Each structure stands twice: as structure tokens, then as C-alpha cells.
Protein backbone atom coordinates (compact mmCIF):
# COMPACT_ATOMS: atom_id res chain seq x y z
CA MET A 1 -15.01 4.82 16.07
CA VAL A 2 -11.62 3.06 16.15
CA ALA A 3 -11.92 -0.70 16.69
CA LEU A 4 -8.93 -2.46 18.28
CA LYS A 5 -8.45 -6.05 17.14
CA SER A 6 -7.99 -9.07 19.41
CA ALA A 7 -5.09 -11.49 19.02
CA ARG A 8 -7.49 -13.91 17.30
CA GLU A 9 -8.65 -11.27 14.85
CA ILE A 10 -5.07 -10.27 14.04
CA GLU A 11 -4.23 -13.91 13.36
CA VAL A 12 -7.13 -14.16 10.90
CA MET A 13 -5.96 -10.94 9.27
CA ARG A 14 -2.46 -12.40 9.04
CA ARG A 15 -3.91 -15.36 7.15
CA SER A 16 -5.77 -12.94 4.89
CA GLY A 17 -2.51 -11.05 4.44
CA LYS A 18 -0.70 -14.21 3.40
CA ILE A 19 -3.17 -14.66 0.55
CA THR A 20 -2.76 -11.03 -0.49
CA SER A 21 1.03 -11.16 -0.36
CA LYS A 22 1.26 -14.48 -2.23
CA VAL A 23 -1.00 -13.31 -5.05
CA LEU A 24 0.66 -9.90 -5.27
CA THR A 25 4.10 -11.52 -5.44
CA GLY A 26 2.86 -13.67 -8.35
CA LEU A 27 1.56 -10.59 -10.16
CA MET A 28 4.86 -8.77 -9.67
CA ARG A 29 6.70 -11.69 -11.24
CA ALA A 30 4.24 -11.91 -14.14
CA VAL A 31 4.45 -8.26 -15.22
CA ARG A 32 5.97 -7.84 -18.67
CA PRO A 33 5.56 -5.59 -21.72
CA GLY A 34 2.66 -6.55 -23.97
CA MET A 35 0.32 -7.98 -21.35
CA THR A 36 -2.83 -6.10 -20.40
CA THR A 37 -3.85 -4.87 -16.98
CA GLY A 38 -6.93 -7.06 -17.47
CA ASP A 39 -4.65 -10.10 -17.72
CA LEU A 40 -3.23 -9.26 -14.29
CA ASP A 41 -6.70 -8.68 -12.91
CA ALA A 42 -7.86 -12.12 -14.03
CA MET A 43 -4.77 -13.69 -12.46
CA ALA A 44 -5.43 -11.86 -9.21
CA GLU A 45 -9.06 -12.93 -8.94
CA LYS A 46 -8.24 -16.56 -9.68
CA GLY A 47 -5.31 -16.55 -7.26
CA ILE A 48 -7.31 -15.05 -4.40
CA ARG A 49 -10.25 -17.39 -4.88
CA ASP A 50 -8.03 -20.47 -5.28
CA LEU A 51 -6.51 -19.69 -1.88
CA GLY A 52 -9.89 -19.39 -0.19
CA GLY A 53 -10.33 -15.62 -0.24
CA VAL A 54 -12.62 -13.14 -1.94
CA PRO A 55 -11.31 -10.13 -3.94
CA THR A 56 -12.23 -7.18 -1.72
CA PHE A 57 -12.10 -4.57 -4.44
CA LYS A 58 -14.43 -6.27 -6.91
CA GLY A 59 -17.82 -4.58 -6.71
CA TYR A 60 -16.67 -2.08 -4.06
CA HIS A 61 -18.82 0.99 -4.77
CA GLY A 62 -19.16 -0.38 -8.30
CA PHE A 63 -15.46 -0.91 -8.99
CA THR A 64 -15.13 -3.58 -11.70
CA GLY A 65 -11.68 -5.00 -10.97
CA SER A 66 -10.08 -7.27 -8.41
CA ILE A 67 -7.01 -5.01 -8.46
CA CYS A 68 -6.29 -1.37 -9.14
CA ALA A 69 -3.74 -1.02 -11.93
CA SER A 70 -2.26 2.47 -12.26
CA ILE A 71 0.39 3.44 -14.81
CA ASP A 72 2.99 6.24 -14.75
CA ASP A 73 1.24 9.47 -13.66
CA GLU A 74 -1.76 7.50 -12.36
CA VAL A 75 -1.41 7.54 -8.59
CA VAL A 76 -4.10 5.04 -7.59
CA HIS A 77 -7.45 3.46 -8.53
CA GLY A 78 -6.68 2.72 -12.16
CA ILE A 79 -9.31 0.38 -13.64
CA PRO A 80 -7.87 -2.81 -15.16
CA GLY A 81 -8.85 -3.61 -18.72
CA SER A 82 -7.49 -3.79 -22.27
CA ARG A 83 -4.61 -1.36 -21.80
CA ARG A 84 -1.27 -2.97 -22.69
CA LEU A 85 1.86 -2.48 -20.64
CA ARG A 86 4.85 -0.97 -22.42
CA ASP A 87 8.56 -1.20 -21.75
CA GLY A 88 9.51 1.63 -19.39
CA ASP A 89 6.11 1.93 -17.68
CA LEU A 90 5.70 2.16 -13.94
CA LEU A 91 2.81 -0.02 -12.80
CA SER A 92 1.20 0.32 -9.39
CA ILE A 93 -0.81 -2.74 -8.31
CA ASP A 94 -3.18 -2.41 -5.36
CA ILE A 95 -4.93 -5.54 -4.10
CA GLY A 96 -7.19 -6.60 -1.24
CA THR A 97 -8.42 -9.94 0.11
CA THR A 98 -11.34 -10.74 2.37
CA PHE A 99 -10.80 -13.97 4.30
CA GLU A 100 -13.16 -15.24 7.01
CA GLY A 101 -14.67 -11.76 7.18
CA TYR A 102 -11.41 -9.81 7.54
CA VAL A 103 -9.62 -7.65 4.98
CA SER A 104 -5.95 -7.26 4.12
CA ASP A 105 -4.76 -4.54 1.74
CA SER A 106 -1.39 -4.10 0.02
CA ALA A 107 0.18 -2.33 -2.94
CA VAL A 108 3.46 -2.14 -4.81
CA THR A 109 4.84 -0.25 -7.79
CA VAL A 110 6.96 -2.24 -10.24
CA ALA A 111 9.01 -1.56 -13.35
CA VAL A 112 7.72 -2.85 -16.67
CA GLY A 113 10.86 -3.86 -18.53
CA THR A 114 13.62 -1.26 -18.24
CA ILE A 115 12.91 2.07 -16.53
CA SER A 116 14.96 5.23 -16.13
CA ALA A 117 17.25 5.86 -13.17
CA GLU A 118 14.94 8.69 -12.06
CA ALA A 119 11.93 6.37 -12.07
CA GLN A 120 13.84 3.74 -10.12
CA ARG A 121 14.78 6.33 -7.52
CA LEU A 122 11.09 7.21 -7.12
CA LEU A 123 10.29 3.53 -6.50
CA ASP A 124 13.11 3.17 -3.98
CA VAL A 125 12.20 6.31 -2.05
CA THR A 126 8.49 5.41 -1.93
CA GLN A 127 9.25 1.96 -0.55
CA GLN A 128 11.56 3.49 2.06
CA CYS A 129 8.79 5.96 2.96
CA LEU A 130 6.53 3.00 3.73
CA MET A 131 9.19 1.39 5.92
CA ALA A 132 9.82 4.66 7.74
CA GLY A 133 6.09 5.00 8.43
CA ILE A 134 5.88 1.43 9.70
CA ALA A 135 8.84 2.04 12.01
CA ALA A 136 6.86 4.85 13.67
CA MET A 137 4.04 2.45 14.61
CA GLN A 138 5.32 1.84 18.12
CA PRO A 139 2.77 1.57 20.94
CA GLY A 140 2.66 4.90 22.75
CA ASN A 141 3.55 6.87 19.61
CA HIS A 142 0.91 8.93 17.85
CA LEU A 143 -0.84 8.75 14.51
CA GLY A 144 0.91 11.91 13.35
CA ASP A 145 4.28 10.21 13.83
CA ILE A 146 3.52 7.92 10.87
CA GLY A 147 2.75 10.71 8.43
CA ALA A 148 5.61 12.85 9.72
CA ALA A 149 8.08 10.03 9.06
CA VAL A 150 6.76 9.47 5.52
CA GLN A 151 6.72 13.17 4.70
CA ALA A 152 10.21 13.83 6.04
CA TYR A 153 11.75 10.93 4.13
CA ALA A 154 10.12 11.94 0.83
CA GLU A 155 10.54 15.70 0.97
CA GLN A 156 14.14 15.58 2.14
CA ARG A 157 14.85 13.73 -1.11
CA GLY A 158 12.94 16.14 -3.33
CA PHE A 159 9.69 14.23 -3.82
CA GLY A 160 6.05 15.24 -3.33
CA VAL A 161 3.61 13.61 -0.90
CA VAL A 162 -0.01 13.28 -2.03
CA ARG A 163 -2.31 14.89 0.54
CA ASP A 164 -5.77 14.27 -0.92
CA LEU A 165 -5.53 10.50 -0.34
CA VAL A 166 -4.66 8.72 2.90
CA GLY A 167 -4.16 5.34 4.53
CA HIS A 168 -6.78 3.93 6.84
CA GLY A 169 -7.78 1.51 9.52
CA VAL A 170 -8.67 -1.96 8.24
CA GLY A 171 -10.47 -4.98 9.65
CA ARG A 172 -13.95 -6.25 8.88
CA GLU A 173 -14.21 -3.34 6.45
CA MET A 174 -11.58 -2.21 3.98
CA HIS A 175 -11.82 1.39 5.15
CA GLU A 176 -12.19 1.89 8.89
CA GLU A 177 -11.20 4.67 11.25
CA PRO A 178 -8.73 6.25 11.66
CA GLN A 179 -7.52 7.95 8.52
CA VAL A 180 -3.72 7.77 8.19
CA PRO A 181 -2.28 10.79 6.32
CA ASN A 182 1.16 10.56 4.73
CA PHE A 183 2.08 13.95 6.17
CA GLY A 184 1.78 15.57 9.56
CA SER A 185 3.50 16.47 12.81
CA THR A 186 5.04 14.20 15.42
CA GLY A 187 3.17 13.80 18.67
CA THR A 188 -0.23 14.65 17.17
CA GLY A 189 -3.34 12.54 16.68
CA MET A 190 -4.53 9.50 18.55
CA GLU A 191 -2.14 7.37 20.59
CA LEU A 192 -1.16 4.10 18.94
CA ARG A 193 -2.24 1.11 21.01
CA ALA A 194 -1.81 -2.64 20.67
CA GLY A 195 -4.64 -4.05 18.55
CA LEU A 196 -4.77 -1.15 16.12
CA VAL A 197 -4.48 -2.37 12.51
CA LEU A 198 -3.68 0.15 9.79
CA ALA A 199 -3.12 0.17 6.05
CA VAL A 200 -0.21 2.56 5.60
CA GLU A 201 0.20 3.60 1.96
CA PRO A 202 2.57 6.38 0.89
CA MET A 203 1.71 7.87 -2.51
CA ILE A 204 4.78 9.79 -3.67
CA THR A 205 5.30 11.90 -6.79
CA GLN A 206 8.22 13.31 -8.77
CA GLY A 207 6.67 16.75 -8.60
CA SER A 208 3.69 18.47 -7.01
CA HIS A 209 1.48 16.79 -4.41
CA LYS A 210 -1.62 17.94 -6.31
CA VAL A 211 -3.84 15.37 -8.06
CA ASN A 212 -6.92 15.18 -10.30
CA ILE A 213 -9.57 12.51 -10.89
CA LEU A 214 -10.21 11.37 -14.47
CA LYS A 215 -13.65 11.25 -16.07
CA ASP A 216 -14.01 7.55 -15.20
CA GLY A 217 -14.60 8.71 -11.62
CA TRP A 218 -11.86 6.46 -10.23
CA THR A 219 -8.38 7.03 -11.64
CA VAL A 220 -6.35 9.59 -9.70
CA VAL A 221 -3.51 11.24 -11.65
CA THR A 222 -0.81 13.76 -10.80
CA ALA A 223 -1.90 17.27 -11.74
CA ASP A 224 1.46 18.03 -13.37
CA GLY A 225 1.66 14.73 -15.31
CA LYS A 226 4.78 13.55 -13.47
CA LEU A 227 5.34 9.99 -12.29
CA ALA A 228 3.88 8.59 -9.08
CA ALA A 229 4.51 5.48 -6.99
CA HIS A 230 2.46 3.69 -4.33
CA PHE A 231 3.46 1.13 -1.71
CA GLU A 232 1.18 -0.27 1.03
CA HIS A 233 1.09 -2.82 3.81
CA THR A 234 -1.46 -3.86 6.41
CA ILE A 235 0.23 -3.59 9.81
CA ALA A 236 -0.86 -4.41 13.36
CA VAL A 237 0.43 -2.48 16.36
CA THR A 238 1.50 -4.99 19.02
CA ASP A 239 3.14 -4.64 22.42
CA ALA A 240 6.39 -5.69 20.68
CA GLY A 241 6.00 -3.08 17.94
CA PRO A 242 4.54 -3.16 14.40
CA LYS A 243 3.80 -6.50 12.75
CA ILE A 244 3.42 -6.49 8.96
CA LEU A 245 0.51 -8.77 8.04
CA THR A 246 1.09 -8.57 4.27
CA LEU A 247 4.86 -9.15 4.28
CA ARG A 248 6.05 -10.40 0.89
CA ASP A 249 9.49 -11.83 1.60
CA PHE A 250 12.40 -12.02 4.04
CA ALA A 251 14.25 -9.24 2.22
CA GLU A 252 11.37 -6.94 3.00
CA LEU A 253 11.46 -8.03 6.64
CA ALA A 254 15.15 -7.13 6.80
CA GLU A 255 14.40 -3.76 5.23
CA ALA A 256 11.70 -3.09 7.82
CA GLU A 257 14.06 -4.00 10.66
CA ARG A 258 16.64 -1.53 9.34
CA TYR A 259 14.28 1.27 10.34
CA ARG A 260 13.66 -0.04 13.86
CA PRO A 261 15.67 0.67 17.01
CA ALA A 262 17.97 -2.30 17.55
CA GLU A 263 16.40 -3.25 20.86
CA GLU A 264 12.92 -3.28 19.30
CA ALA A 265 13.70 -4.80 15.89
CA ARG A 266 10.90 -7.34 15.87
CA VAL A 267 8.34 -7.03 13.08
């Protein structure tokens, strides 16, 4: 069942999203060669708790971290620990906060030190895929419009779109209905209505869309060993269009507006 959120609930989720975005921004700035993914995890847990939230991921189905930390060909769900970051790595950080009973969920992929031009292009395209998906979240559009926008942007530029993992509704639970694929056809699926809150999260690869799960039962990797990137926001559908609840900075707001029709450019 899809639960639409009230204006009050969306405001609480916005406050949750502010914690998530602030902590994630701090992690992005802290990333450097030589530190461990466990170092980042400890920073994330402290940051979330200091701001009055609870790390949503910690203990979720037995997951041990407050973040997911995935490197290079690891798409998502990497377990933080003693692994050290190296110059040239791509690091995907996924983070969630529960605040006053409501969840916000966000992710970003960052460069560790200096990365190749090809890796940077993957990051840029994946972030643009997210913005294109958000732009499709207009009331009266359909769920399939989101995935179609993501898929078109990625595949037209020669990248793969992971199909085995999807975005999701979010609210009192981290994973609610509906599922939000990163591929699909326009005009299909449920109609988007004000009050719907979704975590949209393109997972884009340099090669095939196919993935495998490692023996740890969590870490998802590309089947062909090529690089992957992951960007995510929690977004509410409003009568005025999509509102990003985990917005990190004004530059990102401007980027989101670039994908909106001029008369509706209000995120």
C-alpha cells in the first residue's frame, strides 16, 4: 500500500533530510586516501546522533554500519570496516537518518584523490541521471516516467543501468511502496500525486547492467568488474512539483532547476 504524506509529515522528513545532508556533506569533505571506510562510518554515526537523529542503517536486517561504503565496482551495500581508501578510488556513500520516526535516505559517489577522466564522466552522468529522474516527478506524471528519464539519460551516453536494484517509497520505514525502477516506459505505473515521497537512486555502470552479490551477503558488485556510481535523494511530490528533502547545497538546487520547465522551476 502506498502511503501519501501530510504537509506535517513532509516537514518532519525535511528536518530528517537536513541531518542526512549535513552529515553526508561532512563525509564527502573528509574523504581522503589512507582513511578507512570504518573511519567514515564512525563519523557518520556521531554526526547523526549529535544532531538528534538515529542511523537508520545500523542494525537493519543485521547490517553493522551506519553507512554503506562501496568502492569502484561495488554498486551498493558495501560494509564499512578496515579497508583503506586509495588514490583513484571511487567511493559511494549511502546514508539514512531516522528523526522523530521518519526516515531520509541519500547517497553520493565521490572521487578519492585523483580519478581518471572516464571515472569522472561516470560520476557526472550518474548525478545528471538523478536530476533527470527528479525532474519527472511532476504531479500527474507516472512512476514509469522517472525510470524512463534515468534510463534514457544513461544509455544515450553509453552507460548501463542496474535493473536488479531499485529506488523506493520512504517515510516511517526506509523501504515503503512503491518500488522505483531506474528504467521503464513513460506513462506507465501509478500516477504521481502530492504527498508521495520517494527515494530515487540511479545506479549506473560503465558496462553491463548485470550484478552479483558477494559472499558477505550484502555487497553488490558489477558482474563485469567495471566501475559503478550511485546517487540518491529523498524527494516529495508537491502540487508545485518535486521538493528535494535531502538537498546538499545551492549548486545542487540550481542543477535540479536546470532540468525543470522554466514555468515550474521550483524545487
